C-alpha atoms as a PDB file:
ATOM      1  CA  LEU A   1    -143.577 113.353  50.950  1.00  0.00           C
ATOM      2  CA  ARG A   2    -147.757 113.727  50.775  1.00  0.00           C
ATOM      3  CA  PHE A   3    -149.517 112.642  48.466  1.00  0.00           C
ATOM      4  CA  ALA A   4    -153.477 114.392  47.635  1.00  0.00           C
ATOM      5  CA  SER A   5    -155.053 114.703  44.754  1.00  0.00           C
ATOM      6  CA  GLU A   6    -155.834 118.683  45.446  1.00  0.00           C
ATOM      7  CA  GLY A   7    -153.670 121.238  45.329  1.00  0.00           C
ATOM      8  CA  PRO A   8    -151.670 123.574  47.417  1.00  0.00           C
ATOM      9  CA  LEU A   9    -149.726 120.321  48.533  1.00  0.00           C
ATOM     10  CA  ASP A  10    -147.693 122.360  51.303  1.00  0.00           C
ATOM     11  CA  GLY A  11    -144.809 123.316  48.367  1.00  0.00           C
ATOM     12  CA  GLN A  12    -143.882 120.172  48.135  1.00  0.00           C
ATOM     13  CA  LEU A  13    -145.647 119.327  44.534  1.00  0.00           C
ATOM     14  CA  LEU A  14    -146.912 121.784  42.798  1.00  0.00           C
ATOM     15  CA  GLU A  15    -150.783 121.196  41.328  1.00  0.00           C
ATOM     16  CA  GLU A  16    -149.385 120.185  37.570  1.00  0.00           C
ATOM     17  CA  ASP A  17    -146.617 119.073  39.373  1.00  0.00           C
ATOM     18  CA  ALA A  18    -149.453 115.856  40.981  1.00  0.00           C
ATOM     19  CA  ASP A  19    -151.071 116.092  37.693  1.00  0.00           C
ATOM     20  CA  ALA A  20    -147.751 114.606  35.961  1.00  0.00           C
ATOM     21  CA  LEU A  21    -146.865 112.401  37.891  1.00  0.00           C
ATOM     22  CA  GLU A  22    -150.890 111.058  38.207  1.00  0.00           C
ATOM     23  CA  GLY A  23    -150.832 110.708  34.584  1.00  0.00           C
ATOM     24  CA  ARG A  24    -147.537 108.760  34.271  1.00  0.00           C
ATOM     25  CA  ILE A  25    -148.372 106.777  37.075  1.00  0.00           C
ATOM     26  CA  THR A  26    -152.021 105.588  35.582  1.00  0.00           C
ATOM     27  CA  ALA A  27    -150.309 105.213  32.120  1.00  0.00           C
ATOM     28  CA  LEU A  28    -147.691 102.849  33.962  1.00  0.00           C
ATOM     29  CA  CYS A  29    -151.035 100.504  34.635  1.00  0.00           C
ATOM     30  CA  GLY A  30    -153.284 101.597  31.946  1.00  0.00           C
ATOM     31  CA  SER A  31    -156.748 101.060  32.377  1.00  0.00           C
ATOM     32  CA  ALA A  32    -155.742  98.906  36.006  1.00  0.00           C
ATOM     33  CA  LEU A  33    -156.202 102.082  37.424  1.00  0.00           C
ATOM     34  CA  GLY A  34    -158.261 104.626  35.348  1.00  0.00           C
ATOM     35  CA  ASP A  35    -158.547 105.795  31.519  1.00  0.00           C
ATOM     36  CA  PRO A  36    -155.572 105.349  29.779  1.00  0.00           C
ATOM     37  CA  GLU A  37    -157.145 108.020  27.693  1.00  0.00           C
ATOM     38  CA  GLU A  38    -157.608 110.641  30.105  1.00  0.00           C
ATOM     39  CA  PRO A  39    -154.665 109.659  32.853  1.00  0.00           C
ATOM     40  CA  VAL A  40    -155.429 112.483  35.478  1.00  0.00           C
ATOM     41  CA  ALA A  41    -158.825 112.616  37.655  1.00  0.00           C
ATOM     42  CA  GLY A  42    -157.888 113.956  40.434  1.00  0.00           C
ATOM     43  CA  GLU A  43    -157.156 110.538  41.675  1.00  0.00           C
ATOM     44  CA  LEU A  44    -153.232 110.560  42.541  1.00  0.00           C
ATOM     45  CA  ALA A  45    -154.157 110.188  46.271  1.00  0.00           C
ATOM     46  CA  GLY A  46    -156.147 107.509  45.622  1.00  0.00           C
ATOM     47  CA  LYS A  47    -154.282 105.795  42.930  1.00  0.00           C
ATOM     48  CA  THR A  48    -151.590 106.466  45.013  1.00  0.00           C
ATOM     49  CA  VAL A  49    -153.035 103.686  47.639  1.00  0.00           C
ATOM     50  CA  HIS A  50    -153.654 101.428  45.542  1.00  0.00           C
ATOM     51  CA  VAL A  51    -150.416 100.694  43.878  1.00  0.00           C
ATOM     52  CA  LEU A  52    -148.758 100.858  47.444  1.00  0.00           C
ATOM     53  CA  VAL A  53    -151.469  97.926  48.771  1.00  0.00           C
ATOM     54  CA  SER A  54    -150.763  96.289  45.349  1.00  0.00           C
ATOM     55  CA  LEU A  55    -146.865  95.641  46.504  1.00  0.00           C
ATOM     56  CA  ALA A  56    -145.968  91.949  47.638  1.00  0.00           C
ATOM     57  CA  GLY A  57    -145.803  92.224  51.730  1.00  0.00           C
ATOM     58  CA  VAL A  58    -147.642  94.893  51.265  1.00  0.00           C
ATOM     59  CA  GLN A  59    -150.303  94.047  53.719  1.00  0.00           C
ATOM     60  CA  CYS A  60    -151.574  97.945  55.550  1.00  0.00           C
ATOM     61  CA  VAL A  61    -151.412 102.104  54.122  1.00  0.00           C
ATOM     62  CA  LEU A  62    -151.552 104.356  56.355  1.00  0.00           C
ATOM     63  CA  VAL A  63    -153.406 107.092  54.938  1.00  0.00           C
ATOM     64  CA  GLY A  64    -154.621 110.766  56.574  1.00  0.00           C
ATOM     65  CA  MET A  65    -157.778 111.220  57.475  1.00  0.00           C
ATOM     66  CA  ARG A  66    -157.847 115.073  57.656  1.00  0.00           C
ATOM     67  CA  ARG A  67    -160.679 115.673  55.506  1.00  0.00           C
ATOM     68  CA  PRO A  68    -163.680 113.484  54.799  1.00  0.00           C
ATOM     69  CA  ARG A  69    -163.944 113.559  51.538  1.00  0.00           C
ATOM     70  CA  TYR A  70    -160.197 112.142  50.790  1.00  0.00           C
ATOM     71  CA  VAL A  71    -160.489 109.414  52.954  1.00  0.00           C
ATOM     72  CA  VAL A  72    -164.268 108.761  50.682  1.00  0.00           C
ATOM     73  CA  ASP A  73    -161.780 109.222  48.077  1.00  0.00           C
ATOM     74  CA  VAL A  74    -158.844 106.807  48.939  1.00  0.00           C
ATOM     75  CA  VAL A  75    -162.238 103.925  50.151  1.00  0.00           C
ATOM     76  CA  LYS A  76    -163.760 104.407  46.533  1.00  0.00           C
ATOM     77  CA  ALA A  77    -160.911 104.274  44.310  1.00  0.00           C
ATOM     78  CA  LEU A  78    -159.546 100.609  46.724  1.00  0.00           C
ATOM     79  CA  LYS A  79    -163.249  99.083  45.750  1.00  0.00           C
ATOM     80  CA  GLN A  80    -162.933 100.277  42.417  1.00  0.00           C
ATOM     81  CA  ARG A  81    -160.624  97.747  41.281  1.00  0.00           C
ATOM     82  CA  PRO A  82    -158.255  94.848  41.613  1.00  0.00           C
ATOM     83  CA  LEU A  83    -155.267  95.079  43.228  1.00  0.00           C
ATOM     84  CA  LEU A  84    -152.048  95.210  40.147  1.00  0.00           C
ATOM     85  CA  GLU A  85    -150.282  92.490  39.533  1.00  0.00           C
ATOM     86  CA  PRO A  86    -146.990  93.066  42.012  1.00  0.00           C
ATOM     87  CA  ALA A  87    -144.815  93.683  39.201  1.00  0.00           C
ATOM     88  CA  MET A  88    -146.432  96.683  38.027  1.00  0.00           C
ATOM     89  CA  ALA A  89    -147.311  97.914  41.625  1.00  0.00           C
ATOM     90  CA  LEU A  90    -143.230  97.843  41.597  1.00  0.00           C
ATOM     91  CA  ALA A  91    -142.870  99.475  38.583  1.00  0.00           C
ATOM     92  CA  ALA A  92    -144.963 102.424  39.150  1.00  0.00           C
ATOM     93  CA  VAL A  93    -143.073 103.042  42.483  1.00  0.00           C
ATOM     94  CA  LYS A  94    -139.578 102.425  40.985  1.00  0.00           C
ATOM     95  CA  SER A  95    -141.335 105.206  38.205  1.00  0.00           C
ATOM     96  CA  ALA A  96    -142.892 107.164  40.659  1.00  0.00           C
ATOM     97  CA  HIS A  97    -139.467 107.519  42.715  1.00  0.00           C
ATOM     98  CA  THR A  98    -137.397 108.378  39.684  1.00  0.00           C
ATOM     99  CA  ALA A  99    -140.055 111.397  38.620  1.00  0.00           C
ATOM    100  CA  LEU A 100    -140.064 112.476  42.457  1.00  0.00           C
ATOM    101  CA  SER A 101    -136.564 113.156  43.271  1.00  0.00           C
ATOM    102  CA  MET A 102    -137.179 116.228  40.042  1.00  0.00           C
ATOM    103  CA  TRP A 103    -138.637 117.640  42.232  1.00  0.00           C
END
């Protein structure tokens, strides 16, 4: 599954579904991933990578590099905030997995 911050998403998720997923991840991680009052900021890809690199035992996450803006957004997301607590990251991944099974 491809995570992106802007649609179209090759038909896998509608833009509003991506927004819902970003909102869910941000709500679970609170201010560690952004503003809980404004959880959707078009940063699903960066937030997803941030969550994945925060997991215990994960030392590398491969990201697509087709668009320079995407790479800049992901790097910015990783530099702006410290890593999440591994338990929080795992809860976010489990929640995202549950949400994605709906689609």
